[in-house]
Structures are given as C-alpha cells and as structure tokens.
Amino acid sequence: MGIPPFGGFFSKYMVMSGGVASTPMYVWLIFLFGAFLTILYLFRVFSMVFLGSPKKSSDTLPKEGGRLMVYCVAALAALSLLSGLLFQFPLEFVESAVMQMLEV
C-alpha cells in the first residue's frame, strides 16, 4: 500500500491522482478496488505471521543476525526512508525529460 513517508506511498498516490485527473471514474474505482484487495491479503499475511499460534515448538532459539546483516538491513531501511522524503528531486528530473520528449 505504501505508508508516508516511504517511497511506495508517493508512487501510488501519483498513480491514483493521475487516474482521477485524466480518466473516467470507473478507472479510479478499479484502482480503489485493487488497493482494497491489497489491504485484505496483507492483513491475512500479518495475522498469520504475528497473531497466529506457532505450528510446532522448537528447543533451539533462532540465531541473532551478524553485524553485517544488521548493517545491510539498516542501510536498506534508511534508503527506503530517504526515497520517500526526497521523492521530489527525481520527480523533477524525470518531469523535465518527459517534457523534452513531448516537446512541451
């Protein structure tokens, strides 16, 4: 779905607002229906993973990730957050390229 300020939110927001501005209302309703279905299956996954009971018990505990793994995950999280906060810069770059291609 995309949560502000992460990158997925702004891309979906732009697709939805473009759909509302330039297409018939039924296309926008299809977008909303797709978003609703996404919420449904993500809620099902969330409930199975975090709210469900364990299938079998294990005597061994999971091993903690190494420092390299933690650094990699932290770097990816930071990049995701930055892509959401700084989304305007690449948008301006792409917009100027599109305007040149369309000769507007």
N, C-alpha and C. Protein backbone atom coordinates (compact mmCIF):
# COMPACT_ATOMS: atom_id res chain seq x y z
N MET A 1 0.82 -1.20 0.00
CA MET A 1 0.00 0.00 0.00
C MET A 1 0.86 1.25 0.00
N GLY A 2 1.85 1.28 0.82
CA GLY A 2 2.67 2.47 0.93
C GLY A 2 2.25 3.31 2.12
N ILE A 3 3.20 3.61 2.94
CA ILE A 3 2.96 4.40 4.14
C ILE A 3 3.83 5.64 4.06
N PRO A 4 3.25 6.84 4.27
CA PRO A 4 4.10 8.02 4.25
C PRO A 4 5.10 7.95 5.39
N PRO A 5 6.32 8.33 5.26
CA PRO A 5 7.00 8.98 4.15
C PRO A 5 7.80 8.02 3.29
N PHE A 6 7.44 6.76 3.22
CA PHE A 6 8.20 5.80 2.43
C PHE A 6 7.83 5.92 0.95
N GLY A 7 8.72 5.40 0.09
CA GLY A 7 8.59 5.58 -1.34
C GLY A 7 7.33 5.00 -1.95
N GLY A 8 6.83 3.89 -1.45
CA GLY A 8 5.66 3.26 -2.04
C GLY A 8 4.41 4.12 -1.96
N PHE A 9 4.31 4.95 -0.94
CA PHE A 9 3.13 5.79 -0.79
C PHE A 9 3.05 6.82 -1.91
N PHE A 10 4.15 7.51 -2.18
CA PHE A 10 4.11 8.60 -3.15
C PHE A 10 3.89 8.08 -4.57
N SER A 11 4.45 6.92 -4.89
CA SER A 11 4.22 6.39 -6.23
C SER A 11 2.76 6.01 -6.42
N LYS A 12 2.17 5.39 -5.42
CA LYS A 12 0.76 5.02 -5.53
C LYS A 12 -0.13 6.27 -5.53
N TYR A 13 0.24 7.24 -4.74
CA TYR A 13 -0.53 8.48 -4.70
C TYR A 13 -0.52 9.17 -6.06
N MET A 14 0.63 9.18 -6.71
CA MET A 14 0.71 9.84 -8.03
C MET A 14 -0.08 9.08 -9.08
N VAL A 15 -0.06 7.76 -9.02
CA VAL A 15 -0.85 6.97 -9.97
C VAL A 15 -2.33 7.23 -9.74
N MET A 16 -2.75 7.24 -8.48
CA MET A 16 -4.17 7.47 -8.18
C MET A 16 -4.60 8.88 -8.58
N SER A 17 -3.79 9.89 -8.25
CA SER A 17 -4.19 11.26 -8.59
C SER A 17 -4.18 11.47 -10.11
N GLY A 18 -3.25 10.84 -10.81
CA GLY A 18 -3.26 10.92 -12.27
C GLY A 18 -4.47 10.24 -12.86
N GLY A 19 -4.87 9.13 -12.25
CA GLY A 19 -6.06 8.44 -12.72
C GLY A 19 -7.32 9.24 -12.51
N VAL A 20 -7.41 9.92 -11.39
CA VAL A 20 -8.58 10.74 -11.11
C VAL A 20 -8.64 11.93 -12.06
N ALA A 21 -7.48 12.51 -12.36
CA ALA A 21 -7.45 13.73 -13.17
C ALA A 21 -7.73 13.48 -14.65
N SER A 22 -7.33 12.32 -15.17
CA SER A 22 -7.38 12.18 -16.63
C SER A 22 -8.20 11.00 -17.14
N THR A 23 -8.77 10.22 -16.30
CA THR A 23 -9.51 9.06 -16.78
C THR A 23 -10.93 9.08 -16.23
N PRO A 24 -11.80 8.27 -16.80
CA PRO A 24 -13.16 8.18 -16.27
C PRO A 24 -13.17 7.64 -14.83
N MET A 25 -14.26 7.87 -14.16
CA MET A 25 -14.38 7.50 -12.75
C MET A 25 -14.26 5.99 -12.54
N TYR A 26 -14.68 5.17 -13.49
CA TYR A 26 -14.62 3.73 -13.28
C TYR A 26 -13.17 3.24 -13.18
N VAL A 27 -12.24 3.90 -13.84
CA VAL A 27 -10.83 3.52 -13.72
C VAL A 27 -10.34 3.80 -12.31
N TRP A 28 -10.74 4.93 -11.75
CA TRP A 28 -10.37 5.26 -10.38
C TRP A 28 -10.97 4.26 -9.40
N LEU A 29 -12.18 3.83 -9.65
CA LEU A 29 -12.80 2.83 -8.79
C LEU A 29 -12.07 1.49 -8.88
N ILE A 30 -11.55 1.16 -10.05
CA ILE A 30 -10.75 -0.06 -10.19
C ILE A 30 -9.48 0.05 -9.36
N PHE A 31 -8.84 1.22 -9.36
CA PHE A 31 -7.66 1.45 -8.52
C PHE A 31 -8.01 1.22 -7.04
N LEU A 32 -9.12 1.80 -6.61
CA LEU A 32 -9.53 1.64 -5.22
C LEU A 32 -9.83 0.19 -4.88
N PHE A 33 -10.46 -0.52 -5.78
CA PHE A 33 -10.75 -1.93 -5.55
C PHE A 33 -9.46 -2.73 -5.42
N GLY A 34 -8.49 -2.44 -6.27
CA GLY A 34 -7.18 -3.11 -6.17
C GLY A 34 -6.49 -2.80 -4.86
N ALA A 35 -6.58 -1.56 -4.40
CA ALA A 35 -5.99 -1.19 -3.11
C ALA A 35 -6.69 -1.92 -1.97
N PHE A 36 -8.01 -2.06 -2.07
CA PHE A 36 -8.76 -2.79 -1.04
C PHE A 36 -8.35 -4.26 -0.99
N LEU A 37 -8.20 -4.89 -2.16
CA LEU A 37 -7.75 -6.28 -2.19
C LEU A 37 -6.34 -6.42 -1.61
N THR A 38 -5.49 -5.45 -1.86
CA THR A 38 -4.14 -5.47 -1.29
C THR A 38 -4.20 -5.42 0.22
N ILE A 39 -5.05 -4.57 0.77
CA ILE A 39 -5.19 -4.49 2.22
C ILE A 39 -5.68 -5.82 2.78
N LEU A 40 -6.62 -6.46 2.10
CA LEU A 40 -7.15 -7.74 2.59
C LEU A 40 -6.07 -8.82 2.66
N TYR A 41 -5.29 -9.00 1.59
CA TYR A 41 -4.33 -10.08 1.65
C TYR A 41 -3.15 -9.74 2.54
N LEU A 42 -2.79 -8.46 2.67
CA LEU A 42 -1.72 -8.10 3.60
C LEU A 42 -2.16 -8.29 5.05
N PHE A 43 -3.43 -8.01 5.34
CA PHE A 43 -3.92 -8.26 6.69
C PHE A 43 -3.92 -9.75 7.00
N ARG A 44 -4.25 -10.57 6.03
CA ARG A 44 -4.23 -12.02 6.24
C ARG A 44 -2.81 -12.50 6.52
N VAL A 45 -1.85 -12.02 5.75
CA VAL A 45 -0.45 -12.39 5.98
C VAL A 45 0.00 -11.93 7.36
N PHE A 46 -0.35 -10.69 7.72
CA PHE A 46 0.03 -10.16 9.03
C PHE A 46 -0.55 -11.01 10.15
N SER A 47 -1.83 -11.35 10.04
CA SER A 47 -2.45 -12.13 11.11
C SER A 47 -1.88 -13.53 11.20
N MET A 48 -1.53 -14.14 10.07
CA MET A 48 -0.94 -15.48 10.12
C MET A 48 0.46 -15.45 10.72
N VAL A 49 1.22 -14.41 10.43
CA VAL A 49 2.60 -14.35 10.91
C VAL A 49 2.66 -13.90 12.36
N PHE A 50 1.95 -12.84 12.71
CA PHE A 50 2.13 -12.24 14.01
C PHE A 50 1.05 -12.60 15.03
N LEU A 51 -0.13 -12.95 14.60
CA LEU A 51 -1.21 -13.23 15.53
C LEU A 51 -1.54 -14.71 15.65
N GLY A 52 -1.04 -15.52 14.75
CA GLY A 52 -1.33 -16.95 14.77
C GLY A 52 -0.51 -17.69 15.81
N SER A 53 -0.94 -18.89 16.11
CA SER A 53 -0.19 -19.70 17.08
C SER A 53 0.89 -20.48 16.34
N PRO A 54 2.00 -20.74 17.03
CA PRO A 54 3.08 -21.49 16.38
C PRO A 54 2.64 -22.91 16.04
N LYS A 55 3.09 -23.42 14.92
CA LYS A 55 2.70 -24.75 14.48
C LYS A 55 3.42 -25.84 15.27
N LYS A 56 4.70 -25.62 15.56
CA LYS A 56 5.43 -26.60 16.35
C LYS A 56 6.41 -25.85 17.23
N SER A 57 6.73 -26.44 18.34
CA SER A 57 7.69 -25.80 19.23
C SER A 57 9.08 -26.33 18.93
N SER A 58 10.04 -25.49 19.15
CA SER A 58 11.42 -25.85 18.88
C SER A 58 12.23 -25.59 20.14
N ASP A 59 13.18 -26.48 20.41
CA ASP A 59 14.02 -26.32 21.59
C ASP A 59 15.13 -25.30 21.35
N THR A 60 15.45 -25.06 20.10
CA THR A 60 16.52 -24.12 19.80
C THR A 60 15.94 -22.76 19.44
N LEU A 61 16.59 -21.73 19.90
CA LEU A 61 16.18 -20.37 19.58
C LEU A 61 16.85 -19.93 18.28
N PRO A 62 16.20 -19.06 17.54
CA PRO A 62 16.83 -18.58 16.32
C PRO A 62 18.11 -17.80 16.65
N LYS A 63 19.08 -17.92 15.76
CA LYS A 63 20.36 -17.24 15.96
C LYS A 63 20.23 -15.78 15.54
N GLU A 64 20.82 -14.91 16.33
CA GLU A 64 20.81 -13.48 16.02
C GLU A 64 21.64 -13.23 14.78
N GLY A 65 21.20 -12.30 13.94
CA GLY A 65 21.93 -11.96 12.73
C GLY A 65 23.26 -11.31 13.06
N GLY A 66 24.22 -11.49 12.20
CA GLY A 66 25.53 -10.88 12.42
C GLY A 66 25.49 -9.38 12.19
N ARG A 67 26.60 -8.72 12.49
CA ARG A 67 26.66 -7.27 12.32
C ARG A 67 26.47 -6.86 10.86
N LEU A 68 27.04 -7.62 9.95
CA LEU A 68 26.90 -7.28 8.54
C LEU A 68 25.43 -7.31 8.12
N MET A 69 24.69 -8.30 8.58
CA MET A 69 23.27 -8.40 8.24
C MET A 69 22.49 -7.22 8.82
N VAL A 70 22.81 -6.85 10.04
CA VAL A 70 22.12 -5.72 10.67
C VAL A 70 22.43 -4.43 9.91
N TYR A 71 23.69 -4.24 9.51
CA TYR A 71 24.06 -3.04 8.75
C TYR A 71 23.36 -3.00 7.40
N CYS A 72 23.25 -4.14 6.75
CA CYS A 72 22.57 -4.18 5.44
C CYS A 72 21.09 -3.82 5.57
N VAL A 73 20.43 -4.38 6.57
CA VAL A 73 19.01 -4.08 6.77
C VAL A 73 18.83 -2.61 7.14
N ALA A 74 19.71 -2.08 7.99
CA ALA A 74 19.62 -0.67 8.38
C ALA A 74 19.85 0.24 7.17
N ALA A 75 20.79 -0.12 6.31
CA ALA A 75 21.05 0.68 5.12
C ALA A 75 19.85 0.67 4.18
N LEU A 76 19.23 -0.48 3.99
CA LEU A 76 18.05 -0.56 3.12
C LEU A 76 16.87 0.23 3.71
N ALA A 77 16.71 0.17 5.03
CA ALA A 77 15.64 0.94 5.67
C ALA A 77 15.88 2.43 5.51
N ALA A 78 17.13 2.86 5.66
CA ALA A 78 17.46 4.28 5.50
C ALA A 78 17.23 4.73 4.07
N LEU A 79 17.61 3.91 3.09
CA LEU A 79 17.38 4.26 1.69
C LEU A 79 15.89 4.34 1.37
N SER A 80 15.11 3.45 1.94
CA SER A 80 13.67 3.49 1.72
C SER A 80 13.06 4.76 2.30
N LEU A 81 13.50 5.12 3.49
CA LEU A 81 13.00 6.35 4.11
C LEU A 81 13.43 7.58 3.32
N LEU A 82 14.68 7.61 2.88
CA LEU A 82 15.17 8.74 2.08
C LEU A 82 14.44 8.85 0.75
N SER A 83 14.14 7.72 0.13
CA SER A 83 13.42 7.78 -1.15
C SER A 83 12.03 8.37 -0.97
N GLY A 84 11.45 8.18 0.19
CA GLY A 84 10.15 8.79 0.45
C GLY A 84 10.25 10.27 0.79
N LEU A 85 11.28 10.64 1.53
CA LEU A 85 11.43 12.03 1.93
C LEU A 85 11.95 12.91 0.80
N LEU A 86 12.77 12.35 -0.07
CA LEU A 86 13.39 13.13 -1.14
C LEU A 86 12.83 12.77 -2.51
N PHE A 87 11.56 12.41 -2.56
CA PHE A 87 10.97 11.96 -3.82
C PHE A 87 10.85 13.07 -4.85
N GLN A 88 10.87 14.31 -4.42
CA GLN A 88 10.65 15.42 -5.34
C GLN A 88 11.81 15.60 -6.32
N PHE A 89 13.06 15.34 -5.88
CA PHE A 89 14.22 15.54 -6.75
C PHE A 89 14.17 14.65 -7.99
N PRO A 90 14.03 13.32 -7.86
CA PRO A 90 13.96 12.53 -9.09
C PRO A 90 12.71 12.82 -9.91
N LEU A 91 11.65 13.25 -9.26
CA LEU A 91 10.43 13.58 -9.99
C LEU A 91 10.66 14.77 -10.91
N GLU A 92 11.35 15.79 -10.42
CA GLU A 92 11.65 16.96 -11.26
C GLU A 92 12.55 16.57 -12.43
N PHE A 93 13.51 15.69 -12.18
CA PHE A 93 14.41 15.24 -13.23
C PHE A 93 13.64 14.50 -14.33
N VAL A 94 12.78 13.59 -13.93
CA VAL A 94 12.00 12.81 -14.88
C VAL A 94 11.00 13.70 -15.61
N GLU A 95 10.41 14.63 -14.88
CA GLU A 95 9.41 15.51 -15.50
C GLU A 95 10.04 16.37 -16.60
N SER A 96 11.24 16.88 -16.36
CA SER A 96 11.88 17.69 -17.40
C SER A 96 12.24 16.83 -18.62
N ALA A 97 12.63 15.58 -18.39
CA ALA A 97 12.94 14.69 -19.51
C ALA A 97 11.69 14.37 -20.32
N VAL A 98 10.58 14.16 -19.63
CA VAL A 98 9.32 13.87 -20.33
C VAL A 98 8.86 15.08 -21.13
N MET A 99 9.00 16.26 -20.56
CA MET A 99 8.61 17.48 -21.27
C MET A 99 9.45 17.67 -22.53
N GLN A 100 10.73 17.34 -22.47
CA GLN A 100 11.57 17.44 -23.66
C GLN A 100 11.16 16.42 -24.71
N MET A 101 10.80 15.22 -24.27
CA MET A 101 10.38 14.20 -25.22
C MET A 101 9.05 14.57 -25.88
N LEU A 102 8.17 15.18 -25.11
CA LEU A 102 6.87 15.58 -25.65
C LEU A 102 6.92 16.93 -26.34
N GLU A 103 8.05 17.61 -26.23
CA GLU A 103 8.26 18.93 -26.82
C GLU A 103 7.20 19.92 -26.37
N VAL A 104 7.00 19.95 -25.07
CA VAL A 104 6.01 20.88 -24.49
C VAL A 104 6.71 22.11 -23.99
